[in-house]
Amino acid sequence: LSTGPLRYAGWSSCFRREAGSYGKDTRGIIRVHQFDKVEAFVY
């Protein structure tokens, strides 16, 4: 890290059970089990 932070951007599908969200946002694509995302990650 002598020249500064290491920065990565990951593009992937993501998967969540949403186990604690029963009855919440049941309509549409706000809270879903599968979605795509670009995530920044820094060391």
PDB file of all heavy atoms in Angstrom:
ATOM      1  N   LEU A   1       0.824  -1.209   0.000  1.00  0.00           N
ATOM      2  CA  LEU A   1       0.000   0.000   0.000  1.00  0.00           C
ATOM      3  C   LEU A   1       0.860   1.261   0.000  1.00  0.00           C
ATOM      4  O   LEU A   1       0.383   2.345   0.345  1.00  0.00           O
ATOM      5  CB  LEU A   1      -0.937   0.004   1.219  1.00  0.00           C
ATOM      6  CG  LEU A   1      -1.942  -1.150   1.306  1.00  0.00           C
ATOM      7  CD1 LEU A   1      -2.769  -1.032   2.586  1.00  0.00           C
ATOM      8  CD2 LEU A   1      -2.860  -1.166   0.086  1.00  0.00           C
ATOM      9  N   SER A   2       2.117   1.105  -0.407  1.00  0.00           N
ATOM     10  CA  SER A   2       3.047   2.232  -0.352  1.00  0.00           C
ATOM     11  C   SER A   2       2.666   3.349  -1.317  1.00  0.00           C
ATOM     12  O   SER A   2       3.020   4.513  -1.096  1.00  0.00           O
ATOM     13  CB  SER A   2       4.469   1.752  -0.651  1.00  0.00           C
ATOM     14  OG  SER A   2       4.542   1.155  -1.942  1.00  0.00           O
ATOM     15  N   THR A   3       1.934   3.020  -2.380  1.00  0.00           N
ATOM     16  CA  THR A   3       1.538   4.046  -3.349  1.00  0.00           C
ATOM     17  C   THR A   3       0.084   4.466  -3.187  1.00  0.00           C
ATOM     18  O   THR A   3      -0.443   5.208  -4.014  1.00  0.00           O
ATOM     19  CB  THR A   3       1.772   3.551  -4.788  1.00  0.00           C
ATOM     20  OG1 THR A   3       1.019   2.342  -5.007  1.00  0.00           O
ATOM     21  CG2 THR A   3       3.252   3.274  -5.030  1.00  0.00           C
ATOM     22  N   GLY A   4      -0.558   3.978  -2.125  1.00  0.00           N
ATOM     23  CA  GLY A   4      -1.950   4.370  -1.883  1.00  0.00           C
ATOM     24  C   GLY A   4      -2.877   3.171  -1.819  1.00  0.00           C
ATOM     25  O   GLY A   4      -2.449   2.010  -1.943  1.00  0.00           O
ATOM     26  N   PRO A   5      -4.172   3.421  -1.628  1.00  0.00           N
ATOM     27  CA  PRO A   5      -5.156   2.338  -1.501  1.00  0.00           C
ATOM     28  C   PRO A   5      -5.259   1.477  -2.755  1.00  0.00           C
ATOM     29  O   PRO A   5      -4.985   1.937  -3.870  1.00  0.00           O
ATOM     30  CB  PRO A   5      -6.470   3.095  -1.253  1.00  0.00           C
ATOM     31  CG  PRO A   5      -6.068   4.421  -0.713  1.00  0.00           C
ATOM     32  CD  PRO A   5      -4.779   4.747  -1.397  1.00  0.00           C
ATOM     33  N   LEU A   6      -5.667   0.218  -2.562  1.00  0.00           N
ATOM     34  CA  LEU A   6      -6.023  -0.670  -3.666  1.00  0.00           C
ATOM     35  C   LEU A   6      -7.540  -0.618  -3.816  1.00  0.00           C
ATOM     36  O   LEU A   6      -8.272  -0.878  -2.860  1.00  0.00           O
ATOM     37  CB  LEU A   6      -5.584  -2.104  -3.381  1.00  0.00           C
ATOM     38  CG  LEU A   6      -4.077  -2.376  -3.297  1.00  0.00           C
ATOM     39  CD1 LEU A   6      -3.845  -3.849  -2.965  1.00  0.00           C
ATOM     40  CD2 LEU A   6      -3.387  -2.014  -4.605  1.00  0.00           C
ATOM     41  N   ARG A   7      -8.006  -0.293  -5.032  1.00  0.00           N
ATOM     42  CA  ARG A   7      -9.434  -0.124  -5.262  1.00  0.00           C
ATOM     43  C   ARG A   7      -9.909  -1.108  -6.325  1.00  0.00           C
ATOM     44  O   ARG A   7      -9.335  -1.186  -7.417  1.00  0.00           O
ATOM     45  CB  ARG A   7      -9.741   1.310  -5.706  1.00  0.00           C
ATOM     46  CG  ARG A   7      -9.319   2.377  -4.701  1.00  0.00           C
ATOM     47  CD  ARG A   7      -9.781   3.766  -5.145  1.00  0.00           C
ATOM     48  NE  ARG A   7      -9.367   4.782  -4.181  1.00  0.00           N
ATOM     49  CZ  ARG A   7      -8.457   5.717  -4.416  1.00  0.00           C
ATOM     50  NH1 ARG A   7      -7.849   5.761  -5.600  1.00  0.00           N
ATOM     51  NH2 ARG A   7      -8.159   6.611  -3.493  1.00  0.00           N
ATOM     52  N   TYR A   8     -10.979  -1.839  -5.996  1.00  0.00           N
ATOM     53  CA  TYR A   8     -11.575  -2.808  -6.908  1.00  0.00           C
ATOM     54  C   TYR A   8     -13.059  -2.496  -7.084  1.00  0.00           C
ATOM     55  O   TYR A   8     -13.721  -2.000  -6.163  1.00  0.00           O
ATOM     56  CB  TYR A   8     -11.423  -4.233  -6.362  1.00  0.00           C
ATOM     57  CG  TYR A   8      -9.991  -4.674  -6.176  1.00  0.00           C
ATOM     58  CD1 TYR A   8      -9.394  -4.661  -4.918  1.00  0.00           C
ATOM     59  CD2 TYR A   8      -9.226  -5.098  -7.252  1.00  0.00           C
ATOM     60  CE1 TYR A   8      -8.080  -5.060  -4.741  1.00  0.00           C
ATOM     61  CE2 TYR A   8      -7.911  -5.502  -7.087  1.00  0.00           C
ATOM     62  CZ  TYR A   8      -7.341  -5.474  -5.836  1.00  0.00           C
ATOM     63  OH  TYR A   8      -6.031  -5.870  -5.672  1.00  0.00           O
ATOM     64  N   ALA A   9     -13.571  -2.802  -8.263  1.00  0.00           N
ATOM     65  CA  ALA A   9     -15.008  -2.677  -8.532  1.00  0.00           C
ATOM     66  C   ALA A   9     -15.499  -4.020  -9.056  1.00  0.00           C
ATOM     67  O   ALA A   9     -15.117  -4.445 -10.150  1.00  0.00           O
ATOM     68  CB  ALA A   9     -15.282  -1.569  -9.545  1.00  0.00           C
ATOM     69  N   GLY A  10     -16.327  -4.685  -8.257  1.00  0.00           N
ATOM     70  CA  GLY A  10     -16.808  -6.011  -8.622  1.00  0.00           C
ATOM     71  C   GLY A  10     -18.212  -5.976  -9.191  1.00  0.00           C
ATOM     72  O   GLY A  10     -19.120  -5.400  -8.583  1.00  0.00           O
ATOM     73  N   TRP A  11     -18.403  -6.589 -10.355  1.00  0.00           N
ATOM     74  CA  TRP A  11     -19.722  -6.701 -11.000  1.00  0.00           C
ATOM     75  C   TRP A  11     -20.173  -8.147 -10.835  1.00  0.00           C
ATOM     76  O   TRP A  11     -19.512  -9.069 -11.311  1.00  0.00           O
ATOM     77  CB  TRP A  11     -19.593  -6.332 -12.469  1.00  0.00           C
ATOM     78  CG  TRP A  11     -20.869  -6.434 -13.278  1.00  0.00           C
ATOM     79  CD1 TRP A  11     -21.957  -7.210 -13.046  1.00  0.00           C
ATOM     80  CD2 TRP A  11     -21.161  -5.717 -14.489  1.00  0.00           C
ATOM     81  NE1 TRP A  11     -22.908  -7.024 -14.011  1.00  0.00           N
ATOM     82  CE2 TRP A  11     -22.450  -6.117 -14.918  1.00  0.00           C
ATOM     83  CE3 TRP A  11     -20.461  -4.785 -15.249  1.00  0.00           C
ATOM     84  CZ2 TRP A  11     -23.047  -5.610 -16.069  1.00  0.00           C
ATOM     85  CZ3 TRP A  11     -21.054  -4.281 -16.401  1.00  0.00           C
ATOM     86  CH2 TRP A  11     -22.336  -4.688 -16.812  1.00  0.00           C
ATOM     87  N   SER A  12     -21.289  -8.339 -10.179  1.00  0.00           N
ATOM     88  CA  SER A  12     -21.763  -9.707  -9.986  1.00  0.00           C
ATOM     89  C   SER A  12     -23.266  -9.735  -9.756  1.00  0.00           C
ATOM     90  O   SER A  12     -23.883  -8.727  -9.422  1.00  0.00           O
ATOM     91  CB  SER A  12     -21.068 -10.352  -8.774  1.00  0.00           C
ATOM     92  OG  SER A  12     -21.583  -9.831  -7.563  1.00  0.00           O
ATOM     93  N   SER A  13     -23.836 -10.916  -9.943  1.00  0.00           N
ATOM     94  CA  SER A  13     -25.173 -11.178  -9.418  1.00  0.00           C
ATOM     95  C   SER A  13     -25.049 -11.428  -7.925  1.00  0.00           C
ATOM     96  O   SER A  13     -24.023 -11.914  -7.441  1.00  0.00           O
ATOM     97  CB  SER A  13     -25.789 -12.398 -10.114  1.00  0.00           C
ATOM     98  OG  SER A  13     -26.054 -12.118 -11.465  1.00  0.00           O
ATOM     99  N   CYS A  14     -26.099 -11.075  -7.190  1.00  0.00           N
ATOM    100  CA  CYS A  14     -26.103 -11.197  -5.736  1.00  0.00           C
ATOM    101  C   CYS A  14     -27.375 -11.937  -5.317  1.00  0.00           C
ATOM    102  O   CYS A  14     -28.415 -11.818  -5.978  1.00  0.00           O
ATOM    103  CB  CYS A  14     -26.063  -9.821  -5.077  1.00  0.00           C
ATOM    104  SG  CYS A  14     -24.706  -8.758  -5.657  1.00  0.00           S
ATOM    105  N   PHE A  15     -27.276 -12.649  -4.192  1.00  0.00           N
ATOM    106  CA  PHE A  15     -28.385 -13.515  -3.776  1.00  0.00           C
ATOM    107  C   PHE A  15     -28.637 -13.334  -2.283  1.00  0.00           C
ATOM    108  O   PHE A  15     -27.715 -13.459  -1.476  1.00  0.00           O
ATOM    109  CB  PHE A  15     -28.045 -14.974  -4.078  1.00  0.00           C
ATOM    110  CG  PHE A  15     -27.660 -15.213  -5.515  1.00  0.00           C
ATOM    111  CD1 PHE A  15     -26.343 -15.057  -5.927  1.00  0.00           C
ATOM    112  CD2 PHE A  15     -28.619 -15.558  -6.457  1.00  0.00           C
ATOM    113  CE1 PHE A  15     -25.981 -15.257  -7.249  1.00  0.00           C
ATOM    114  CE2 PHE A  15     -28.268 -15.764  -7.784  1.00  0.00           C
ATOM    115  CZ  PHE A  15     -26.954 -15.606  -8.184  1.00  0.00           C
ATOM    116  N   ARG A  16     -29.885 -13.067  -1.925  1.00  0.00           N
ATOM    117  CA  ARG A  16     -30.239 -12.876  -0.522  1.00  0.00           C
ATOM    118  C   ARG A  16     -31.565 -13.569  -0.212  1.00  0.00           C
ATOM    119  O   ARG A  16     -32.526 -13.431  -0.970  1.00  0.00           O
ATOM    120  CB  ARG A  16     -30.335 -11.385  -0.185  1.00  0.00           C
ATOM    121  CG  ARG A  16     -29.007 -10.661  -0.357  1.00  0.00           C
ATOM    122  CD  ARG A  16     -29.060  -9.213   0.042  1.00  0.00           C
ATOM    123  NE  ARG A  16     -27.782  -8.562  -0.220  1.00  0.00           N
ATOM    124  CZ  ARG A  16     -27.530  -7.275  -0.023  1.00  0.00           C
ATOM    125  NH1 ARG A  16     -28.485  -6.489   0.467  1.00  0.00           N
ATOM    126  NH2 ARG A  16     -26.338  -6.771  -0.290  1.00  0.00           N
ATOM    127  N   ARG A  17     -31.616 -14.243   0.906  1.00  0.00           N
ATOM    128  CA  ARG A  17     -32.830 -14.954   1.298  1.00  0.00           C
ATOM    129  C   ARG A  17     -33.903 -13.994   1.800  1.00  0.00           C
ATOM    130  O   ARG A  17     -35.081 -14.327   1.802  1.00  0.00           O
ATOM    131  CB  ARG A  17     -32.514 -16.001   2.373  1.00  0.00           C
ATOM    132  CG  ARG A  17     -31.638 -17.148   1.865  1.00  0.00           C
ATOM    133  CD  ARG A  17     -31.516 -18.250   2.907  1.00  0.00           C
ATOM    134  NE  ARG A  17     -32.830 -18.835   3.171  1.00  0.00           N
ATOM    135  CZ  ARG A  17     -33.341 -19.005   4.381  1.00  0.00           C
ATOM    136  NH1 ARG A  17     -32.667 -18.606   5.444  1.00  0.00           N
ATOM    137  NH2 ARG A  17     -34.524 -19.552   4.541  1.00  0.00           N
ATOM    138  N   GLU A  18     -33.498 -12.811   2.277  1.00  0.00           N
ATOM    139  CA  GLU A  18     -34.450 -11.842   2.849  1.00  0.00           C
ATOM    140  C   GLU A  18     -35.304 -12.507   3.921  1.00  0.00           C
ATOM    141  O   GLU A  18     -36.518 -12.309   4.000  1.00  0.00           O
ATOM    142  CB  GLU A  18     -35.337 -11.238   1.746  1.00  0.00           C
ATOM    143  CG  GLU A  18     -34.568 -10.459   0.687  1.00  0.00           C
ATOM    144  CD  GLU A  18     -33.989  -9.148   1.216  1.00  0.00           C
ATOM    145  OE1 GLU A  18     -34.274  -8.794   2.377  1.00  0.00           O
ATOM    146  OE2 GLU A  18     -33.235  -8.493   0.480  1.00  0.00           O
ATOM    147  N   ALA A  19     -34.622 -13.288   4.784  1.00  0.00           N
ATOM    148  CA  ALA A  19     -35.344 -14.082   5.777  1.00  0.00           C
ATOM    149  C   ALA A  19     -36.084 -13.228   6.793  1.00  0.00           C
ATOM    150  O   ALA A  19     -37.128 -13.625   7.310  1.00  0.00           O
ATOM    151  CB  ALA A  19     -34.365 -15.011   6.502  1.00  0.00           C
ATOM    152  N   GLY A  20     -35.576 -12.035   7.073  1.00  0.00           N
ATOM    153  CA  GLY A  20     -36.219 -11.203   8.082  1.00  0.00           C
ATOM    154  C   GLY A  20     -37.172 -10.176   7.526  1.00  0.00           C
ATOM    155  O   GLY A  20     -37.576  -9.251   8.233  1.00  0.00           O
ATOM    156  N   SER A  21     -37.561 -10.323   6.258  1.00  0.00           N
ATOM    157  CA  SER A  21     -38.365  -9.277   5.608  1.00  0.00           C
ATOM    158  C   SER A  21     -39.751  -9.764   5.224  1.00  0.00           C
ATOM    159  O   SER A  21     -40.357  -9.243   4.284  1.00  0.00           O
ATOM    160  CB  SER A  21     -37.632  -8.765   4.368  1.00  0.00           C
ATOM    161  OG  SER A  21     -37.434  -9.810   3.432  1.00  0.00           O
ATOM    162  N   TYR A  22     -40.268 -10.768   5.941  1.00  0.00           N
ATOM    163  CA  TYR A  22     -41.595 -11.293   5.605  1.00  0.00           C
ATOM    164  C   TYR A  22     -42.628 -10.173   5.634  1.00  0.00           C
ATOM    165  O   TYR A  22     -42.744  -9.416   6.596  1.00  0.00           O
ATOM    166  CB  TYR A  22     -41.991 -12.392   6.588  1.00  0.00           C
ATOM    167  CG  TYR A  22     -43.350 -12.997   6.287  1.00  0.00           C
ATOM    168  CD1 TYR A  22     -43.499 -13.947   5.281  1.00  0.00           C
ATOM    169  CD2 TYR A  22     -44.474 -12.585   6.991  1.00  0.00           C
ATOM    170  CE1 TYR A  22     -44.739 -14.496   4.999  1.00  0.00           C
ATOM    171  CE2 TYR A  22     -45.721 -13.123   6.715  1.00  0.00           C
ATOM    172  CZ  TYR A  22     -45.846 -14.074   5.713  1.00  0.00           C
ATOM    173  OH  TYR A  22     -47.082 -14.610   5.437  1.00  0.00           O
ATOM    174  N   GLY A  23     -43.376 -10.041   4.540  1.00  0.00           N
ATOM    175  CA  GLY A  23     -44.423  -9.042   4.451  1.00  0.00           C
ATOM    176  C   GLY A  23     -43.962  -7.662   4.025  1.00  0.00           C
ATOM    177  O   GLY A  23     -44.781  -6.773   3.796  1.00  0.00           O
ATOM    178  N   LYS A  24     -42.628  -7.458   3.888  1.00  0.00           N
ATOM    179  CA  LYS A  24     -42.106  -6.154   3.502  1.00  0.00           C
ATOM    180  C   LYS A  24     -41.793  -6.126   2.005  1.00  0.00           C
ATOM    181  O   LYS A  24     -41.163  -7.045   1.482  1.00  0.00           O
ATOM    182  CB  LYS A  24     -40.822  -5.833   4.277  1.00  0.00           C
ATOM    183  CG  LYS A  24     -41.007  -5.730   5.786  1.00  0.00           C
ATOM    184  CD  LYS A  24     -39.665  -5.451   6.453  1.00  0.00           C
ATOM    185  CE  LYS A  24     -39.801  -5.367   7.961  1.00  0.00           C
ATOM    186  NZ  LYS A  24     -38.482  -5.146   8.617  1.00  0.00           N
ATOM    187  N   ASP A  25     -42.207  -5.063   1.333  1.00  0.00           N
ATOM    188  CA  ASP A  25     -41.846  -4.859  -0.078  1.00  0.00           C
ATOM    189  C   ASP A  25     -42.096  -6.103  -0.913  1.00  0.00           C
ATOM    190  O   ASP A  25     -41.244  -6.554  -1.689  1.00  0.00           O
ATOM    191  CB  ASP A  25     -40.375  -4.439  -0.209  1.00  0.00           C
ATOM    192  CG  ASP A  25     -40.078  -3.128   0.491  1.00  0.00           C
ATOM    193  OD1 ASP A  25     -40.834  -2.169   0.276  1.00  0.00           O
ATOM    194  OD2 ASP A  25     -39.112  -3.065   1.259  1.00  0.00           O
ATOM    195  N   THR A  26     -43.278  -6.666  -0.763  1.00  0.00           N
ATOM    196  CA  THR A  26     -43.601  -7.892  -1.498  1.00  0.00           C
ATOM    197  C   THR A  26     -43.899  -7.619  -2.971  1.00  0.00           C
ATOM    198  O   THR A  26     -43.916  -8.545  -3.776  1.00  0.00           O
ATOM    199  CB  THR A  26     -44.805  -8.598  -0.862  1.00  0.00           C
ATOM    200  OG1 THR A  26     -45.913  -7.682  -0.804  1.00  0.00           O
ATOM    201  CG2 THR A  26     -44.462  -9.068   0.543  1.00  0.00           C
ATOM    202  N   ARG A  27     -44.142  -6.367  -3.327  1.00  0.00           N
ATOM    203  CA  ARG A  27     -44.457  -6.016  -4.705  1.00  0.00           C
ATOM    204  C   ARG A  27     -43.236  -5.403  -5.374  1.00  0.00           C
ATOM    205  O   ARG A  27     -42.606  -4.484  -4.848  1.00  0.00           O
ATOM    206  CB  ARG A  27     -45.621  -5.021  -4.732  1.00  0.00           C
ATOM    207  CG  ARG A  27     -46.006  -4.525  -6.117  1.00  0.00           C
ATOM    208  CD  ARG A  27     -47.278  -3.682  -6.042  1.00  0.00           C
ATOM    209  NE  ARG A  27     -47.548  -2.943  -7.264  1.00  0.00           N
ATOM    210  CZ  ARG A  27     -48.164  -3.438  -8.326  1.00  0.00           C
ATOM    211  NH1 ARG A  27     -48.571  -4.703  -8.298  1.00  0.00           N
ATOM    212  NH2 ARG A  27     -48.388  -2.703  -9.399  1.00  0.00           N
ATOM    213  N   GLY A  28     -42.906  -5.930  -6.557  1.00  0.00           N
ATOM    214  CA  GLY A  28     -41.865  -5.291  -7.351  1.00  0.00           C
ATOM    215  C   GLY A  28     -40.459  -5.770  -7.066  1.00  0.00           C
ATOM    216  O   GLY A  28     -40.233  -6.873  -6.572  1.00  0.00           O
ATOM    217  N   ILE A  29     -39.469  -4.887  -7.345  1.00  0.00           N
ATOM    218  CA  ILE A  29     -38.063  -5.288  -7.320  1.00  0.00           C
ATOM    219  C   ILE A  29     -37.256  -4.516  -6.279  1.00  0.00           C
ATOM    220  O   ILE A  29     -36.038  -4.412  -6.388  1.00  0.00           O
ATOM    221  CB  ILE A  29     -37.422  -5.143  -8.715  1.00  0.00           C
ATOM    222  CG1 ILE A  29     -37.471  -3.687  -9.192  1.00  0.00           C
ATOM    223  CG2 ILE A  29     -38.111  -6.061  -9.725  1.00  0.00           C
ATOM    224  CD1 ILE A  29     -36.662  -3.439 -10.466  1.00  0.00           C
ATOM    225  N   ILE A  30     -37.928  -3.995  -5.269  1.00  0.00           N
ATOM    226  CA  ILE A  30     -37.181  -3.305  -4.217  1.00  0.00           C
ATOM    227  C   ILE A  30     -36.428  -4.301  -3.346  1.00  0.00           C
ATOM    228  O   ILE A  30     -35.256  -4.118  -3.019  1.00  0.00           O
ATOM    229  CB  ILE A  30     -38.128  -2.437  -3.360  1.00  0.00           C
ATOM    230  CG1 ILE A  30     -38.631  -1.241  -4.182  1.00  0.00           C
ATOM    231  CG2 ILE A  30     -37.419  -1.943  -2.100  1.00  0.00           C
ATOM    232  CD1 ILE A  30     -39.585  -0.337  -3.439  1.00  0.00           C
ATOM    233  N   ARG A  31     -37.086  -5.380  -2.957  1.00  0.00           N
ATOM    234  CA  ARG A  31     -36.472  -6.383  -2.067  1.00  0.00           C
ATOM    235  C   ARG A  31     -36.647  -7.748  -2.720  1.00  0.00           C
ATOM    236  O   ARG A  31     -37.735  -8.328  -2.681  1.00  0.00           O
ATOM    237  CB  ARG A  31     -37.137  -6.331  -0.699  1.00  0.00           C
ATOM    238  CG  ARG A  31     -36.341  -7.015   0.413  1.00  0.00           C
ATOM    239  CD  ARG A  31     -37.130  -7.004   1.717  1.00  0.00           C
ATOM    240  NE  ARG A  31     -37.392  -5.680   2.207  1.00  0.00           N
ATOM    241  CZ  ARG A  31     -36.612  -5.018   3.059  1.00  0.00           C
ATOM    242  NH1 ARG A  31     -35.524  -5.585   3.500  1.00  0.00           N
ATOM    243  NH2 ARG A  31     -36.935  -3.807   3.473  1.00  0.00           N
ATOM    244  N   VAL A  32     -35.575  -8.258  -3.325  1.00  0.00           N
ATOM    245  CA  VAL A  32     -35.667  -9.477  -4.124  1.00  0.00           C
ATOM    246  C   VAL A  32     -34.561 -10.457  -3.735  1.00  0.00           C
ATOM    247  O   VAL A  32     -33.625 -10.117  -3.012  1.00  0.00           O
ATOM    248  CB  VAL A  32     -35.572  -9.156  -5.632  1.00  0.00           C
ATOM    249  CG1 VAL A  32     -36.801  -8.392  -6.096  1.00  0.00           C
ATOM    250  CG2 VAL A  32     -34.303  -8.357  -5.947  1.00  0.00           C
ATOM    251  N   HIS A  33     -34.678 -11.674  -4.241  1.00  0.00           N
ATOM    252  CA  HIS A  33     -33.700 -12.709  -3.898  1.00  0.00           C
ATOM    253  C   HIS A  33     -32.462 -12.671  -4.794  1.00  0.00           C
ATOM    254  O   HIS A  33     -31.419 -13.212  -4.422  1.00  0.00           O
ATOM    255  CB  HIS A  33     -34.339 -14.096  -4.004  1.00  0.00           C
ATOM    256  CG  HIS A  33     -35.363 -14.362  -2.948  1.00  0.00           C
ATOM    257  ND1 HIS A  33     -35.142 -14.137  -1.611  1.00  0.00           N
ATOM    258  CD2 HIS A  33     -36.634 -14.838  -3.041  1.00  0.00           C
ATOM    259  CE1 HIS A  33     -36.217 -14.469  -0.918  1.00  0.00           C
ATOM    260  NE2 HIS A  33     -37.140 -14.893  -1.756  1.00  0.00           N
ATOM    261  N   GLN A  34     -32.580 -12.081  -5.973  1.00  0.00           N
ATOM    262  CA  GLN A  34     -31.454 -12.035  -6.920  1.00  0.00           C
ATOM    263  C   GLN A  34     -31.433 -10.679  -7.596  1.00  0.00           C
ATOM    264  O   GLN A  34     -32.471 -10.175  -8.025  1.00  0.00           O
ATOM    265  CB  GLN A  34     -31.590 -13.140  -7.966  1.00  0.00           C
ATOM    266  CG  GLN A  34     -30.479 -13.135  -9.014  1.00  0.00           C
ATOM    267  CD  GLN A  34     -30.677 -14.206 -10.082  1.00  0.00           C
ATOM    268  OE1 GLN A  34     -31.347 -15.203  -9.848  1.00  0.00           O
ATOM    269  NE2 GLN A  34     -30.096 -13.997 -11.250  1.00  0.00           N
ATOM    270  N   PHE A  35     -30.246 -10.092  -7.677  1.00  0.00           N
ATOM    271  CA  PHE A  35     -30.100  -8.799  -8.351  1.00  0.00           C
ATOM    272  C   PHE A  35     -28.655  -8.662  -8.803  1.00  0.00           C
ATOM    273  O   PHE A  35     -27.794  -9.478  -8.457  1.00  0.00           O
ATOM    274  CB  PHE A  35     -30.501  -7.645  -7.420  1.00  0.00           C
ATOM    275  CG  PHE A  35     -29.763  -7.625  -6.107  1.00  0.00           C
ATOM    276  CD1 PHE A  35     -28.621  -6.863  -5.946  1.00  0.00           C
ATOM    277  CD2 PHE A  35     -30.216  -8.376  -5.023  1.00  0.00           C
ATOM    278  CE1 PHE A  35     -27.933  -6.845  -4.732  1.00  0.00           C
ATOM    279  CE2 PHE A  35     -29.540  -8.375  -3.813  1.00  0.00           C
ATOM    280  CZ  PHE A  35     -28.396  -7.605  -3.668  1.00  0.00           C
ATOM    281  N   ASP A  36     -28.391  -7.634  -9.569  1.00  0.00           N
ATOM    282  CA  ASP A  36     -27.033  -7.383 -10.051  1.00  0.00           C
ATOM    283  C   ASP A  36     -26.517  -6.080  -9.453  1.00  0.00           C
ATOM    284  O   ASP A  36     -27.290  -5.150  -9.196  1.00  0.00           O
ATOM    285  CB  ASP A  36     -27.003  -7.326 -11.573  1.00  0.00           C
ATOM    286  CG  ASP A  36     -27.197  -8.698 -12.197  1.00  0.00           C
ATOM    287  OD1 ASP A  36     -26.234  -9.470 -12.216  1.00  0.00           O
ATOM    288  OD2 ASP A  36     -28.318  -9.003 -12.637  1.00  0.00           O
ATOM    289  N   LYS A  37     -25.206  -6.020  -9.262  1.00  0.00           N
ATOM    290  CA  LYS A  37     -24.638  -4.855  -8.592  1.00  0.00           C
ATOM    291  C   LYS A  37     -23.186  -4.668  -8.992  1.00  0.00           C
ATOM    292  O   LYS A  37     -22.462  -5.632  -9.237  1.00  0.00           O
ATOM    293  CB  LYS A  37     -24.753  -5.017  -7.073  1.00  0.00           C
ATOM    294  CG  LYS A  37     -24.235  -3.833  -6.284  1.00  0.00           C
ATOM    295  CD  LYS A  37     -24.676  -3.846  -4.834  1.00  0.00           C
ATOM    296  CE  LYS A  37     -24.056  -4.949  -4.032  1.00  0.00           C
ATOM    297  NZ  LYS A  37     -24.118  -4.656  -2.564  1.00  0.00           N
ATOM    298  N   VAL A  38     -22.770  -3.401  -9.050  1.00  0.00           N
ATOM    299  CA  VAL A  38     -21.353  -3.056  -9.119  1.00  0.00           C
ATOM    300  C   VAL A  38     -20.978  -2.497  -7.750  1.00  0.00           C
ATOM    301  O   VAL A  38     -21.558  -1.512  -7.287  1.00  0.00           O
ATOM    302  CB  VAL A  38     -21.050  -2.020 -10.221  1.00  0.00           C
ATOM    303  CG1 VAL A  38     -19.584  -1.585 -10.142  1.00  0.00           C
ATOM    304  CG2 VAL A  38     -21.351  -2.604 -11.597  1.00  0.00           C
ATOM    305  N   GLU A  39     -20.038  -3.174  -7.113  1.00  0.00           N
ATOM    306  CA  GLU A  39     -19.643  -2.830  -5.744  1.00  0.00           C
ATOM    307  C   GLU A  39     -18.196  -2.370  -5.718  1.00  0.00           C
ATOM    308  O   GLU A  39     -17.300  -3.040  -6.242  1.00  0.00           O
ATOM    309  CB  GLU A  39     -19.808  -4.060  -4.837  1.00  0.00           C
ATOM    310  CG  GLU A  39     -19.428  -3.862  -3.398  1.00  0.00           C
ATOM    311  CD  GLU A  39     -20.526  -3.232  -2.576  1.00  0.00           C
ATOM    312  OE1 GLU A  39     -21.589  -2.900  -3.157  1.00  0.00           O
ATOM    313  OE2 GLU A  39     -20.354  -3.074  -1.359  1.00  0.00           O
ATOM    314  N   ALA A  40     -17.958  -1.209  -5.110  1.00  0.00           N
ATOM    315  CA  ALA A  40     -16.597  -0.726  -4.902  1.00  0.00           C
ATOM    316  C   ALA A  40     -16.045  -1.343  -3.626  1.00  0.00           C
ATOM    317  O   ALA A  40     -16.753  -1.463  -2.618  1.00  0.00           O
ATOM    318  CB  ALA A  40     -16.595   0.791  -4.801  1.00  0.00           C
ATOM    319  N   PHE A  41     -14.775  -1.732  -3.677  1.00  0.00           N
ATOM    320  CA  PHE A  41     -14.125  -2.303  -2.488  1.00  0.00           C
ATOM    321  C   PHE A  41     -12.703  -1.763  -2.419  1.00  0.00           C
ATOM    322  O   PHE A  41     -11.986  -1.755  -3.420  1.00  0.00           O
ATOM    323  CB  PHE A  41     -14.104  -3.829  -2.549  1.00  0.00           C
ATOM    324  CG  PHE A  41     -13.778  -4.466  -1.228  1.00  0.00           C
ATOM    325  CD1 PHE A  41     -14.781  -4.795  -0.335  1.00  0.00           C
ATOM    326  CD2 PHE A  41     -12.463  -4.719  -0.871  1.00  0.00           C
ATOM    327  CE1 PHE A  41     -14.492  -5.362   0.896  1.00  0.00           C
ATOM    328  CE2 PHE A  41     -12.152  -5.285   0.351  1.00  0.00           C
ATOM    329  CZ  PHE A  41     -13.177  -5.618   1.241  1.00  0.00           C
ATOM    330  N   VAL A  42     -12.309  -1.325  -1.224  1.00  0.00           N
ATOM    331  CA  VAL A  42     -11.026  -0.645  -1.051  1.00  0.00           C
ATOM    332  C   VAL A  42     -10.243  -1.263   0.098  1.00  0.00           C
ATOM    333  O   VAL A  42     -10.795  -1.552   1.169  1.00  0.00           O
ATOM    334  CB  VAL A  42     -11.238   0.862  -0.772  1.00  0.00           C
ATOM    335  CG1 VAL A  42      -9.894   1.566  -0.556  1.00  0.00           C
ATOM    336  CG2 VAL A  42     -12.001   1.518  -1.914  1.00  0.00           C
ATOM    337  N   TYR A  43      -8.927  -1.448  -0.138  1.00  0.00           N
ATOM    338  CA  TYR A  43      -7.977  -1.779   0.918  1.00  0.00           C
ATOM    339  C   TYR A  43      -7.079  -0.559   1.131  1.00  0.00           C
ATOM    340  O   TYR A  43      -6.555   0.013   0.156  1.00  0.00           O
ATOM    341  CB  TYR A  43      -7.075  -2.944   0.511  1.00  0.00           C
ATOM    342  CG  TYR A  43      -7.768  -4.272   0.313  1.00  0.00           C
ATOM    343  CD1 TYR A  43      -8.277  -4.639  -0.938  1.00  0.00           C
ATOM    344  CD2 TYR A  43      -7.879  -5.184   1.360  1.00  0.00           C
ATOM    345  CE1 TYR A  43      -8.881  -5.871  -1.122  1.00  0.00           C
ATOM    346  CE2 TYR A  43      -8.481  -6.426   1.176  1.00  0.00           C
ATOM    347  CZ  TYR A  43      -8.986  -6.758  -0.067  1.00  0.00           C
ATOM    348  OH  TYR A  43      -9.585  -7.980  -0.252  1.00  0.00           O
TER     349      TYR A  43
END
